[in-house]
Amino acid sequence: MPSFSGEPTAIDAGMLMGAGASIAASCHRAAYFVDRILKGATPANRPIEQSPTFNLEINLKTAKALGLTIPQSLLLLADRIIE
């Protein structure tokens, strides 16, 4: 069954497609907030943020096994393609 997930390890395990916030960008921002809090900032006063970077990953091995053709326009948008 074709599936879509935001978990990058699921793509490596055979999930068809995945999209989600960049883990690297999220960790970078988390480190910034921890630094501010350790320097005395009040956690309740810290703003809520959305990740500025999102990734699209496509597993072509799974698409082929399912007999699916991924459009070239979607492949061009992908940040990572598993062949």
PDB file of N, CA and C in Angstrom:
ATOM      1  N   MET A   1       0.843  -1.169   0.000  1.00  0.00           N
ATOM      2  CA  MET A   1       0.000   0.000   0.000  1.00  0.00           C
ATOM      3  C   MET A   1       0.898   1.245   0.000  1.00  0.00           C
ATOM      4  N   PRO A   2       0.676   2.196  -0.894  1.00  0.00           N
ATOM      5  CA  PRO A   2       1.471   3.423  -0.892  1.00  0.00           C
ATOM      6  C   PRO A   2       1.256   4.178   0.422  1.00  0.00           C
ATOM      7  N   SER A   3       2.339   4.641   1.010  1.00  0.00           N
ATOM      8  CA  SER A   3       2.249   5.362   2.272  1.00  0.00           C
ATOM      9  C   SER A   3       3.107   6.614   2.228  1.00  0.00           C
ATOM     10  N   PHE A   4       2.753   7.548   3.079  1.00  0.00           N
ATOM     11  CA  PHE A   4       3.424   8.841   3.156  1.00  0.00           C
ATOM     12  C   PHE A   4       3.713   9.118   4.616  1.00  0.00           C
ATOM     13  N   SER A   5       4.937   9.532   4.927  1.00  0.00           N
ATOM     14  CA  SER A   5       5.318   9.746   6.322  1.00  0.00           C
ATOM     15  C   SER A   5       6.237  10.948   6.438  1.00  0.00           C
ATOM     16  N   GLY A   6       6.314  11.512   7.619  1.00  0.00           N
ATOM     17  CA  GLY A   6       7.248  12.590   7.896  1.00  0.00           C
ATOM     18  C   GLY A   6       8.511  12.099   8.567  1.00  0.00           C
ATOM     19  N   GLU A   7       8.606  10.807   8.799  1.00  0.00           N
ATOM     20  CA  GLU A   7       9.751  10.214   9.495  1.00  0.00           C
ATOM     21  C   GLU A   7      10.801   9.766   8.483  1.00  0.00           C
ATOM     22  N   PRO A   8      11.993  10.397   8.474  1.00  0.00           N
ATOM     23  CA  PRO A   8      13.016  10.048   7.476  1.00  0.00           C
ATOM     24  C   PRO A   8      13.439   8.585   7.497  1.00  0.00           C
ATOM     25  N   THR A   9      13.487   7.948   8.660  1.00  0.00           N
ATOM     26  CA  THR A   9      13.908   6.543   8.692  1.00  0.00           C
ATOM     27  C   THR A   9      12.886   5.633   8.026  1.00  0.00           C
ATOM     28  N   ALA A  10      11.634   6.067   7.981  1.00  0.00           N
ATOM     29  CA  ALA A  10      10.605   5.271   7.309  1.00  0.00           C
ATOM     30  C   ALA A  10      10.859   5.213   5.805  1.00  0.00           C
ATOM     31  N   ILE A  11      11.397   6.275   5.234  1.00  0.00           N
ATOM     32  CA  ILE A  11      11.705   6.303   3.803  1.00  0.00           C
ATOM     33  C   ILE A  11      12.793   5.269   3.508  1.00  0.00           C
ATOM     34  N   ASP A  12      13.812   5.229   4.356  1.00  0.00           N
ATOM     35  CA  ASP A  12      14.894   4.255   4.171  1.00  0.00           C
ATOM     36  C   ASP A  12      14.385   2.829   4.316  1.00  0.00           C
ATOM     37  N   ALA A  13      13.339   2.639   5.117  1.00  0.00           N
ATOM     38  CA  ALA A  13      12.794   1.299   5.364  1.00  0.00           C
ATOM     39  C   ALA A  13      11.792   0.863   4.300  1.00  0.00           C
ATOM     40  N   GLY A  14      11.469   1.754   3.335  1.00  0.00           N
ATOM     41  CA  GLY A  14      10.586   1.357   2.248  1.00  0.00           C
ATOM     42  C   GLY A  14       9.335   2.183   2.072  1.00  0.00           C
ATOM     43  N   MET A  15       9.125   3.210   2.884  1.00  0.00           N
ATOM     44  CA  MET A  15       7.967   4.094   2.718  1.00  0.00           C
ATOM     45  C   MET A  15       8.079   4.780   1.358  1.00  0.00           C
ATOM     46  N   LEU A  16       6.972   4.991   0.691  1.00  0.00           N
ATOM     47  CA  LEU A  16       6.982   5.567  -0.655  1.00  0.00           C
ATOM     48  C   LEU A  16       7.486   7.000  -0.670  1.00  0.00           C
ATOM     49  N   MET A  17       6.887   7.851   0.152  1.00  0.00           N
ATOM     50  CA  MET A  17       7.254   9.270   0.161  1.00  0.00           C
ATOM     51  C   MET A  17       7.203   9.808   1.577  1.00  0.00           C
ATOM     52  N   GLY A  18       7.942  10.884   1.773  1.00  0.00           N
ATOM     53  CA  GLY A  18       7.910  11.532   3.068  1.00  0.00           C
ATOM     54  C   GLY A  18       8.185  13.015   2.926  1.00  0.00           C
ATOM     55  N   ALA A  19       7.548  13.785   3.760  1.00  0.00           N
ATOM     56  CA  ALA A  19       7.785  15.230   3.798  1.00  0.00           C
ATOM     57  C   ALA A  19       7.660  15.671   5.238  1.00  0.00           C
ATOM     58  N   GLY A  20       8.513  16.575   5.616  1.00  0.00           N
ATOM     59  CA  GLY A  20       8.452  17.065   6.982  1.00  0.00           C
ATOM     60  C   GLY A  20       9.498  18.117   7.241  1.00  0.00           C
ATOM     61  N   ALA A  21       9.471  18.642   8.434  1.00  0.00           N
ATOM     62  CA  ALA A  21      10.431  19.658   8.833  1.00  0.00           C
ATOM     63  C   ALA A  21      11.837  19.066   8.830  1.00  0.00           C
ATOM     64  N   SER A  22      12.791  19.871   8.438  1.00  0.00           N
ATOM     65  CA  SER A  22      14.183  19.451   8.443  1.00  0.00           C
ATOM     66  C   SER A  22      14.634  19.210   9.881  1.00  0.00           C
ATOM     67  N   ILE A  23      15.101  18.014  10.151  1.00  0.00           N
ATOM     68  CA  ILE A  23      15.574  17.687  11.495  1.00  0.00           C
ATOM     69  C   ILE A  23      16.791  18.535  11.839  1.00  0.00           C
ATOM     70  N   ALA A  24      17.688  18.735  10.887  1.00  0.00           N
ATOM     71  CA  ALA A  24      18.885  19.534  11.140  1.00  0.00           C
ATOM     72  C   ALA A  24      18.517  20.970  11.502  1.00  0.00           C
ATOM     73  N   ALA A  25      17.591  21.564  10.755  1.00  0.00           N
ATOM     74  CA  ALA A  25      17.176  22.939  11.042  1.00  0.00           C
ATOM     75  C   ALA A  25      16.475  23.024  12.390  1.00  0.00           C
ATOM     76  N   SER A  26      15.648  22.038  12.713  1.00  0.00           N
ATOM     77  CA  SER A  26      14.943  22.022  13.996  1.00  0.00           C
ATOM     78  C   SER A  26      15.917  21.901  15.161  1.00  0.00           C
ATOM     79  N   CYS A  27      16.929  21.052  15.014  1.00  0.00           N
ATOM     80  CA  CYS A  27      17.931  20.892  16.080  1.00  0.00           C
ATOM     81  C   CYS A  27      18.738  22.169  16.261  1.00  0.00           C
ATOM     82  N   HIS A  28      19.043  22.832  15.163  1.00  0.00           N
ATOM     83  CA  HIS A  28      19.790  24.092  15.232  1.00  0.00           C
ATOM     84  C   HIS A  28      19.002  25.132  16.028  1.00  0.00           C
ATOM     85  N   ARG A  29      17.705  25.246  15.746  1.00  0.00           N
ATOM     86  CA  ARG A  29      16.875  26.213  16.468  1.00  0.00           C
ATOM     87  C   ARG A  29      16.695  25.800  17.926  1.00  0.00           C
ATOM     88  N   ALA A  30      16.583  24.507  18.184  1.00  0.00           N
ATOM     89  CA  ALA A  30      16.443  24.033  19.564  1.00  0.00           C
ATOM     90  C   ALA A  30      17.687  24.403  20.364  1.00  0.00           C
ATOM     91  N   ALA A  31      18.863  24.250  19.767  1.00  0.00           N
ATOM     92  CA  ALA A  31      20.111  24.612  20.454  1.00  0.00           C
ATOM     93  C   ALA A  31      20.126  26.105  20.767  1.00  0.00           C
ATOM     94  N   TYR A  32      19.625  26.909  19.855  1.00  0.00           N
ATOM     95  CA  TYR A  32      19.550  28.361  20.081  1.00  0.00           C
ATOM     96  C   TYR A  32      18.676  28.650  21.310  1.00  0.00           C
ATOM     97  N   PHE A  33      17.508  28.000  21.398  1.00  0.00           N
ATOM     98  CA  PHE A  33      16.603  28.234  22.526  1.00  0.00           C
ATOM     99  C   PHE A  33      17.200  27.730  23.842  1.00  0.00           C
ATOM    100  N   VAL A  34      17.856  26.592  23.825  1.00  0.00           N
ATOM    101  CA  VAL A  34      18.501  26.071  25.037  1.00  0.00           C
ATOM    102  C   VAL A  34      19.571  27.051  25.505  1.00  0.00           C
ATOM    103  N   ASP A  35      20.348  27.568  24.565  1.00  0.00           N
ATOM    104  CA  ASP A  35      21.383  28.543  24.900  1.00  0.00           C
ATOM    105  C   ASP A  35      20.772  29.770  25.578  1.00  0.00           C
ATOM    106  N   ARG A  36      19.692  30.290  25.026  1.00  0.00           N
ATOM    107  CA  ARG A  36      19.033  31.471  25.604  1.00  0.00           C
ATOM    108  C   ARG A  36      18.499  31.180  27.006  1.00  0.00           C
ATOM    109  N   ILE A  37      17.907  30.014  27.183  1.00  0.00           N
ATOM    110  CA  ILE A  37      17.330  29.648  28.490  1.00  0.00           C
ATOM    111  C   ILE A  37      18.433  29.458  29.528  1.00  0.00           C
ATOM    112  N   LEU A  38      19.544  28.824  29.117  1.00  0.00           N
ATOM    113  CA  LEU A  38      20.664  28.643  30.041  1.00  0.00           C
ATOM    114  C   LEU A  38      21.316  29.968  30.426  1.00  0.00           C
ATOM    115  N   LYS A  39      21.136  30.966  29.583  1.00  0.00           N
ATOM    116  CA  LYS A  39      21.673  32.303  29.882  1.00  0.00           C
ATOM    117  C   LYS A  39      20.667  33.163  30.645  1.00  0.00           C
ATOM    118  N   GLY A  40      19.530  32.564  31.057  1.00  0.00           N
ATOM    119  CA  GLY A  40      18.596  33.275  31.920  1.00  0.00           C
ATOM    120  C   GLY A  40      17.262  33.666  31.320  1.00  0.00           C
ATOM    121  N   ALA A  41      17.045  33.405  30.055  1.00  0.00           N
ATOM    122  CA  ALA A  41      15.755  33.750  29.449  1.00  0.00           C
ATOM    123  C   ALA A  41      14.655  32.872  30.043  1.00  0.00           C
ATOM    124  N   THR A  42      13.473  33.426  30.193  1.00  0.00           N
ATOM    125  CA  THR A  42      12.337  32.679  30.723  1.00  0.00           C
ATOM    126  C   THR A  42      11.729  31.835  29.601  1.00  0.00           C
ATOM    127  N   PRO A  43      11.622  30.522  29.791  1.00  0.00           N
ATOM    128  CA  PRO A  43      11.055  29.666  28.735  1.00  0.00           C
ATOM    129  C   PRO A  43       9.656  30.103  28.291  1.00  0.00           C
ATOM    130  N   ALA A  44       8.847  30.586  29.213  1.00  0.00           N
ATOM    131  CA  ALA A  44       7.478  30.992  28.874  1.00  0.00           C
ATOM    132  C   ALA A  44       7.451  32.190  27.927  1.00  0.00           C
ATOM    133  N   ASN A  45       8.529  32.950  27.895  1.00  0.00           N
ATOM    134  CA  ASN A  45       8.589  34.138  27.035  1.00  0.00           C
ATOM    135  C   ASN A  45       9.202  33.857  25.667  1.00  0.00           C
ATOM    136  N   ARG A  46       9.635  32.639  25.441  1.00  0.00           N
ATOM    137  CA  ARG A  46      10.232  32.292  24.152  1.00  0.00           C
ATOM    138  C   ARG A  46       9.122  32.077  23.125  1.00  0.00           C
ATOM    139  N   PRO A  47       9.297  32.568  21.916  1.00  0.00           N
ATOM    140  CA  PRO A  47       8.258  32.388  20.894  1.00  0.00           C
ATOM    141  C   PRO A  47       8.190  30.958  20.376  1.00  0.00           C
ATOM    142  N   ILE A  48       7.040  30.593  19.861  1.00  0.00           N
ATOM    143  CA  ILE A  48       6.869  29.301  19.191  1.00  0.00           C
ATOM    144  C   ILE A  48       7.232  29.513  17.727  1.00  0.00           C
ATOM    145  N   GLU A  49       8.009  28.608  17.184  1.00  0.00           N
ATOM    146  CA  GLU A  49       8.450  28.745  15.793  1.00  0.00           C
ATOM    147  C   GLU A  49       8.109  27.497  14.996  1.00  0.00           C
ATOM    148  N   GLN A  50       7.966  27.703  13.721  1.00  0.00           N
ATOM    149  CA  GLN A  50       7.813  26.594  12.775  1.00  0.00           C
ATOM    150  C   GLN A  50       9.138  26.465  12.046  1.00  0.00           C
ATOM    151  N   SER A  51       9.534  25.267  11.735  1.00  0.00           N
ATOM    152  CA  SER A  51      10.791  25.064  11.017  1.00  0.00           C
ATOM    153  C   SER A  51      10.772  25.827   9.699  1.00  0.00           C
ATOM    154  N   PRO A  52      11.859  26.518   9.392  1.00  0.00           N
ATOM    155  CA  PRO A  52      11.901  27.266   8.127  1.00  0.00           C
ATOM    156  C   PRO A  52      12.197  26.367   6.929  1.00  0.00           C
ATOM    157  N   THR A  53      12.602  25.134   7.180  1.00  0.00           N
ATOM    158  CA  THR A  53      13.024  24.243   6.108  1.00  0.00           C
ATOM    159  C   THR A  53      12.254  22.927   6.172  1.00  0.00           C
ATOM    160  N   PHE A  54      11.731  22.517   5.021  1.00  0.00           N
ATOM    161  CA  PHE A  54      11.026  21.244   4.916  1.00  0.00           C
ATOM    162  C   PHE A  54      11.682  20.408   3.826  1.00  0.00           C
ATOM    163  N   ASN A  55      11.655  19.101   3.993  1.00  0.00           N
ATOM    164  CA  ASN A  55      12.274  18.182   3.035  1.00  0.00           C
ATOM    165  C   ASN A  55      11.218  17.259   2.429  1.00  0.00           C
ATOM    166  N   LEU A  56      11.415  16.934   1.151  1.00  0.00           N
ATOM    167  CA  LEU A  56      10.590  15.951   0.456  1.00  0.00           C
ATOM    168  C   LEU A  56      11.514  14.819   0.027  1.00  0.00           C
ATOM    169  N   GLU A  57      11.158  13.596   0.402  1.00  0.00           N
ATOM    170  CA  GLU A  57      11.954  12.430   0.047  1.00  0.00           C
ATOM    171  C   GLU A  57      11.071  11.418  -0.671  1.00  0.00           C
ATOM    172  N   ILE A  58      11.629  10.776  -1.681  1.00  0.00           N
ATOM    173  CA  ILE A  58      10.878   9.818  -2.496  1.00  0.00           C
ATOM    174  C   ILE A  58      11.688   8.540  -2.630  1.00  0.00           C
ATOM    175  N   ASN A  59      11.036   7.403  -2.428  1.00  0.00           N
ATOM    176  CA  ASN A  59      11.681   6.101  -2.561  1.00  0.00           C
ATOM    177  C   ASN A  59      11.229   5.496  -3.897  1.00  0.00           C
ATOM    178  N   LEU A  60      12.086   5.596  -4.908  1.00  0.00           N
ATOM    179  CA  LEU A  60      11.749   5.071  -6.234  1.00  0.00           C
ATOM    180  C   LEU A  60      11.740   3.549  -6.272  1.00  0.00           C
ATOM    181  N   LYS A  61      12.503   2.904  -5.382  1.00  0.00           N
ATOM    182  CA  LYS A  61      12.468   1.437  -5.315  1.00  0.00           C
ATOM    183  C   LYS A  61      11.066   0.975  -4.928  1.00  0.00           C
ATOM    184  N   THR A  62      10.464   1.650  -3.963  1.00  0.00           N
ATOM    185  CA  THR A  62       9.108   1.296  -3.539  1.00  0.00           C
ATOM    186  C   THR A  62       8.106   1.620  -4.636  1.00  0.00           C
ATOM    187  N   ALA A  63       8.272   2.775  -5.297  1.00  0.00           N
ATOM    188  CA  ALA A  63       7.364   3.145  -6.389  1.00  0.00           C
ATOM    189  C   ALA A  63       7.405   2.082  -7.489  1.00  0.00           C
ATOM    190  N   LYS A  64       8.595   1.624  -7.829  1.00  0.00           N
ATOM    191  CA  LYS A  64       8.728   0.603  -8.873  1.00  0.00           C
ATOM    192  C   LYS A  64       8.062  -0.705  -8.434  1.00  0.00           C
ATOM    193  N   ALA A  65       8.261  -1.090  -7.172  1.00  0.00           N
ATOM    194  CA  ALA A  65       7.663  -2.331  -6.664  1.00  0.00           C
ATOM    195  C   ALA A  65       6.138  -2.263  -6.683  1.00  0.00           C
ATOM    196  N   LEU A  66       5.592  -1.053  -6.526  1.00  0.00           N
ATOM    197  CA  LEU A  66       4.135  -0.869  -6.542  1.00  0.00           C
ATOM    198  C   LEU A  66       3.594  -0.602  -7.948  1.00  0.00           C
ATOM    199  N   GLY A  67       4.491  -0.490  -8.924  1.00  0.00           N
ATOM    200  CA  GLY A  67       4.073  -0.211 -10.291  1.00  0.00           C
ATOM    201  C   GLY A  67       3.647   1.230 -10.488  1.00  0.00           C
ATOM    202  N   LEU A  68       4.195   2.137  -9.678  1.00  0.00           N
ATOM    203  CA  LEU A  68       3.837   3.557  -9.764  1.00  0.00           C
ATOM    204  C   LEU A  68       4.904   4.346 -10.508  1.00  0.00           C
ATOM    205  N   THR A  69       4.473   5.341 -11.238  1.00  0.00           N
ATOM    206  CA  THR A  69       5.386   6.262 -11.895  1.00  0.00           C
ATOM    207  C   THR A  69       5.276   7.610 -11.194  1.00  0.00           C
ATOM    208  N   ILE A  70       6.383   8.098 -10.694  1.00  0.00           N
ATOM    209  CA  ILE A  70       6.407   9.398 -10.023  1.00  0.00           C
ATOM    210  C   ILE A  70       6.655  10.456 -11.097  1.00  0.00           C
ATOM    211  N   PRO A  71       5.787  11.466 -11.187  1.00  0.00           N
ATOM    212  CA  PRO A  71       5.980  12.505 -12.206  1.00  0.00           C
ATOM    213  C   PRO A  71       7.320  13.222 -12.063  1.00  0.00           C
ATOM    214  N   GLN A  72       7.916  13.566 -13.180  1.00  0.00           N
ATOM    215  CA  GLN A  72       9.205  14.264 -13.188  1.00  0.00           C
ATOM    216  C   GLN A  72       9.114  15.578 -12.415  1.00  0.00           C
ATOM    217  N   SER A  73       7.979  16.255 -12.494  1.00  0.00           N
ATOM    218  CA  SER A  73       7.812  17.526 -11.780  1.00  0.00           C
ATOM    219  C   SER A  73       7.938  17.339 -10.266  1.00  0.00           C
ATOM    220  N   LEU A  74       7.485  16.200  -9.752  1.00  0.00           N
ATOM    221  CA  LEU A  74       7.605  15.911  -8.326  1.00  0.00           C
ATOM    222  C   LEU A  74       9.038  15.500  -7.979  1.00  0.00           C
ATOM    223  N   LEU A  75       9.668  14.742  -8.852  1.00  0.00           N
ATOM    224  CA  LEU A  75      11.054  14.331  -8.626  1.00  0.00           C
ATOM    225  C   LEU A  75      11.987  15.541  -8.563  1.00  0.00           C
ATOM    226  N   LEU A  76      11.697  16.562  -9.350  1.00  0.00           N
ATOM    227  CA  LEU A  76      12.526  17.775  -9.347  1.00  0.00           C
ATOM    228  C   LEU A  76      12.408  18.535  -8.030  1.00  0.00           C
ATOM    229  N   LEU A  77      11.314  18.366  -7.325  1.00  0.00           N
ATOM    230  CA  LEU A  77      11.112  19.047  -6.044  1.00  0.00           C
ATOM    231  C   LEU A  77      11.750  18.295  -4.875  1.00  0.00           C
ATOM    232  N   ALA A  78      12.076  17.032  -5.088  1.00  0.00           N
ATOM    233  CA  ALA A  78      12.560  16.176  -3.991  1.00  0.00           C
ATOM    234  C   ALA A  78      13.953  16.608  -3.525  1.00  0.00           C
ATOM    235  N   ASP A  79      14.138  16.561  -2.209  1.00  0.00           N
ATOM    236  CA  ASP A  79      15.439  16.837  -1.617  1.00  0.00           C
ATOM    237  C   ASP A  79      16.310  15.584  -1.609  1.00  0.00           C
ATOM    238  N   ARG A  80      15.659  14.420  -1.584  1.00  0.00           N
ATOM    239  CA  ARG A  80      16.382  13.147  -1.583  1.00  0.00           C
ATOM    240  C   ARG A  80      15.549  12.114  -2.306  1.00  0.00           C
ATOM    241  N   ILE A  81      16.203  11.344  -3.175  1.00  0.00           N
ATOM    242  CA  ILE A  81      15.538  10.278  -3.914  1.00  0.00           C
ATOM    243  C   ILE A  81      16.323   8.990  -3.670  1.00  0.00           C
ATOM    244  N   ILE A  82      15.615   7.963  -3.230  1.00  0.00           N
ATOM    245  CA  ILE A  82      16.237   6.653  -3.046  1.00  0.00           C
ATOM    246  C   ILE A  82      15.975   5.841  -4.298  1.00  0.00           C
ATOM    247  N   GLU A  83      17.053   5.417  -4.933  1.00  0.00           N
ATOM    248  CA  GLU A  83      16.921   4.641  -6.161  1.00  0.00           C
ATOM    249  C   GLU A  83      17.282   3.233  -5.844  1.00  0.00           C
TER     250      GLU A  83
END
